[in-house]
C-alpha atoms as a PDB file:
ATOM      1  CA  UNK A   1     -21.631   2.058 -28.928  1.00  0.00           C
ATOM      2  CA  UNK A   2     -17.935   2.376 -27.556  1.00  0.00           C
ATOM      3  CA  UNK A   3     -17.388   1.726 -24.195  1.00  0.00           C
ATOM      4  CA  UNK A   4     -13.967   2.977 -22.804  1.00  0.00           C
ATOM      5  CA  UNK A   5     -12.967   0.873 -20.233  1.00  0.00           C
ATOM      6  CA  UNK A   6     -10.093   2.276 -18.041  1.00  0.00           C
ATOM      7  CA  UNK A   7     -12.166   0.084 -14.912  1.00  0.00           C
ATOM      8  CA  UNK A   8     -15.856  -0.596 -16.030  1.00  0.00           C
ATOM      9  CA  UNK A   9     -18.189  -2.410 -13.553  1.00  0.00           C
ATOM     10  CA  UNK A  10     -21.400  -3.797 -15.361  1.00  0.00           C
ATOM     11  CA  UNK A  11     -24.873  -5.435 -14.332  1.00  0.00           C
ATOM     12  CA  UNK A  12     -25.770  -8.004 -16.523  1.00  0.00           C
ATOM     13  CA  UNK A  13     -29.385  -9.669 -15.884  1.00  0.00           C
ATOM     14  CA  UNK A  14     -29.615 -13.302 -16.591  1.00  0.00           C
ATOM     15  CA  UNK A  15     -28.919 -14.439 -20.382  1.00  0.00           C
ATOM     16  CA  UNK A  16     -27.566 -11.077 -21.158  1.00  0.00           C
ATOM     17  CA  UNK A  17     -24.280 -10.761 -23.192  1.00  0.00           C
ATOM     18  CA  UNK A  18     -21.138  -8.450 -23.319  1.00  0.00           C
ATOM     19  CA  UNK A  19     -18.957  -8.548 -26.229  1.00  0.00           C
ATOM     20  CA  UNK A  20     -15.441  -7.634 -26.267  1.00  0.00           C
ATOM     21  CA  UNK A  21     -13.348  -7.589 -29.837  1.00  0.00           C
ATOM     22  CA  UNK A  22      -9.987  -7.230 -29.645  1.00  0.00           C
ATOM     23  CA  UNK A  23      -9.782  -7.608 -25.745  1.00  0.00           C
ATOM     24  CA  UNK A  24      -6.708  -9.600 -25.633  1.00  0.00           C
ATOM     25  CA  UNK A  25      -5.150  -8.821 -22.320  1.00  0.00           C
ATOM     26  CA  UNK A  26      -8.199  -7.116 -20.663  1.00  0.00           C
ATOM     27  CA  UNK A  27      -9.308  -8.700 -17.288  1.00  0.00           C
ATOM     28  CA  UNK A  28     -13.210  -9.805 -16.628  1.00  0.00           C
ATOM     29  CA  UNK A  29     -13.509 -10.045 -12.935  1.00  0.00           C
ATOM     30  CA  UNK A  30     -16.777 -11.363 -11.791  1.00  0.00           C
ATOM     31  CA  UNK A  31     -18.189  -9.965  -8.591  1.00  0.00           C
ATOM     32  CA  UNK A  32     -20.984 -11.346  -7.983  1.00  0.00           C
ATOM     33  CA  UNK A  33     -23.399 -13.901 -10.078  1.00  0.00           C
ATOM     34  CA  UNK A  34     -22.026 -16.162 -12.769  1.00  0.00           C
ATOM     35  CA  UNK A  35     -20.520 -15.546 -16.100  1.00  0.00           C
ATOM     36  CA  UNK A  36     -19.707 -17.949 -19.175  1.00  0.00           C
ATOM     37  CA  UNK A  37     -16.740 -16.719 -21.272  1.00  0.00           C
ATOM     38  CA  UNK A  38     -16.078 -18.035 -24.589  1.00  0.00           C
ATOM     39  CA  UNK A  39     -13.025 -16.508 -26.942  1.00  0.00           C
ATOM     40  CA  UNK A  40     -12.687 -16.747 -30.506  1.00  0.00           C
ATOM     41  CA  UNK A  41      -9.949 -19.771 -31.399  1.00  0.00           C
ATOM     42  CA  UNK A  42     -10.734 -21.226 -27.718  1.00  0.00           C
ATOM     43  CA  UNK A  43     -12.224 -24.642 -27.626  1.00  0.00           C
ATOM     44  CA  UNK A  44     -12.917 -24.372 -23.846  1.00  0.00           C
ATOM     45  CA  UNK A  45     -15.262 -21.820 -22.047  1.00  0.00           C
ATOM     46  CA  UNK A  46     -14.653 -20.787 -18.679  1.00  0.00           C
ATOM     47  CA  UNK A  47     -17.562 -20.279 -15.874  1.00  0.00           C
ATOM     48  CA  UNK A  48     -16.442 -17.336 -13.568  1.00  0.00           C
ATOM     49  CA  UNK A  49     -18.635 -17.521  -9.982  1.00  0.00           C
ATOM     50  CA  UNK A  50     -17.998 -14.372  -7.678  1.00  0.00           C
ATOM     51  CA  UNK A  51     -14.160 -13.941  -6.781  1.00  0.00           C
ATOM     52  CA  UNK A  52     -13.340 -15.426  -9.905  1.00  0.00           C
ATOM     53  CA  UNK A  53     -11.575 -13.588 -12.973  1.00  0.00           C
ATOM     54  CA  UNK A  54      -9.564 -14.162 -16.366  1.00  0.00           C
ATOM     55  CA  UNK A  55      -7.355 -12.607 -18.715  1.00  0.00           C
ATOM     56  CA  UNK A  56      -8.448 -12.592 -22.235  1.00  0.00           C
ATOM     57  CA  UNK A  57      -5.927 -14.324 -24.354  1.00  0.00           C
ATOM     58  CA  UNK A  58      -6.997 -14.172 -27.837  1.00  0.00           C
ATOM     59  CA  UNK A  59      -7.842 -10.880 -30.290  1.00  0.00           C
ATOM     60  CA  UNK A  60     -10.968 -12.155 -31.288  1.00  0.00           C
ATOM     61  CA  UNK A  61     -13.977 -11.720 -30.419  1.00  0.00           C
ATOM     62  CA  UNK A  62     -15.206 -12.507 -26.386  1.00  0.00           C
ATOM     63  CA  UNK A  63     -18.473 -13.302 -25.887  1.00  0.00           C
ATOM     64  CA  UNK A  64     -19.620 -12.885 -21.897  1.00  0.00           C
ATOM     65  CA  UNK A  65     -23.183 -13.915 -20.720  1.00  0.00           C
ATOM     66  CA  UNK A  66     -24.660 -13.435 -17.189  1.00  0.00           C
ATOM     67  CA  UNK A  67     -26.000 -17.468 -15.869  1.00  0.00           C
ATOM     68  CA  UNK A  68     -27.726 -15.051 -13.500  1.00  0.00           C
ATOM     69  CA  UNK A  69     -27.851 -11.694 -12.406  1.00  0.00           C
ATOM     70  CA  UNK A  70     -24.206 -10.729 -12.476  1.00  0.00           C
ATOM     71  CA  UNK A  71     -21.794  -8.020 -11.641  1.00  0.00           C
ATOM     72  CA  UNK A  72     -18.802  -7.637 -13.746  1.00  0.00           C
ATOM     73  CA  UNK A  73     -15.550  -5.736 -13.946  1.00  0.00           C
ATOM     74  CA  UNK A  74     -13.081  -4.849 -16.934  1.00  0.00           C
ATOM     75  CA  UNK A  75      -9.798  -3.458 -16.679  1.00  0.00           C
ATOM     76  CA  UNK A  76      -7.717  -2.585 -19.674  1.00  0.00           C
ATOM     77  CA  UNK A  77      -4.369  -4.277 -19.724  1.00  0.00           C
ATOM     78  CA  UNK A  78      -1.487  -2.567 -18.163  1.00  0.00           C
ATOM     79  CA  UNK A  79       1.954  -2.156 -19.729  1.00  0.00           C
ATOM     80  CA  UNK A  80       4.704  -3.815 -18.127  1.00  0.00           C
ATOM     81  CA  UNK A  81       8.407  -3.839 -18.297  1.00  0.00           C
ATOM     82  CA  UNK A  82       9.918  -2.044 -20.827  1.00  0.00           C
ATOM     83  CA  UNK A  83       6.423  -0.980 -22.342  1.00  0.00           C
ATOM     84  CA  UNK A  84       5.729   0.210 -18.625  1.00  0.00           C
ATOM     85  CA  UNK A  85       9.372   1.899 -18.606  1.00  0.00           C
ATOM     86  CA  UNK A  86       8.838   3.880 -21.669  1.00  0.00           C
ATOM     87  CA  UNK A  87       5.672   5.091 -20.973  1.00  0.00           C
ATOM     88  CA  UNK A  88       6.864   6.474 -18.035  1.00  0.00           C
ATOM     89  CA  UNK A  89       9.228   8.194 -19.820  1.00  0.00           C
ATOM     90  CA  UNK A  90       7.043   9.456 -21.947  1.00  0.00           C
ATOM     91  CA  UNK A  91       4.455  10.907 -19.727  1.00  0.00           C
ATOM     92  CA  UNK A  92       5.981  14.208 -18.718  1.00  0.00           C
ATOM     93  CA  UNK A  93       6.493  14.855 -22.469  1.00  0.00           C
ATOM     94  CA  UNK A  94       2.584  14.320 -22.636  1.00  0.00           C
ATOM     95  CA  UNK A  95       2.132  16.630 -20.485  1.00  0.00           C
ATOM     96  CA  UNK A  96       1.274  14.123 -17.601  1.00  0.00           C
ATOM     97  CA  UNK A  97      -0.817  11.556 -19.239  1.00  0.00           C
ATOM     98  CA  UNK A  98       0.236   8.568 -21.449  1.00  0.00           C
ATOM     99  CA  UNK A  99      -1.427   7.705 -25.254  1.00  0.00           C
ATOM    100  CA  UNK A 100      -3.284   4.701 -25.436  1.00  0.00           C
ATOM    101  CA  UNK A 101      -1.586   1.931 -27.547  1.00  0.00           C
END
């Protein structure tokens, strides 16, 4: 199954997992409960509690596990700077929507 992000809100039961592959730049926010987050090639795991978030900074596998029942939001990265200007410039030619890169 493939999940199209945009902004996705997910409810997890205790010990339930969500994995992201190639999620560099994706923001993971803990809305309720507590989450354990580990990223491939990163020695430091992170515990997120309600109101906390992190931005995935590795391209490999990211594993998110609910330490208790939890709700999380996953948000796609937003283009910034030069990329945002380029996408804004291209948007009218693409019928009002920018292509995902």
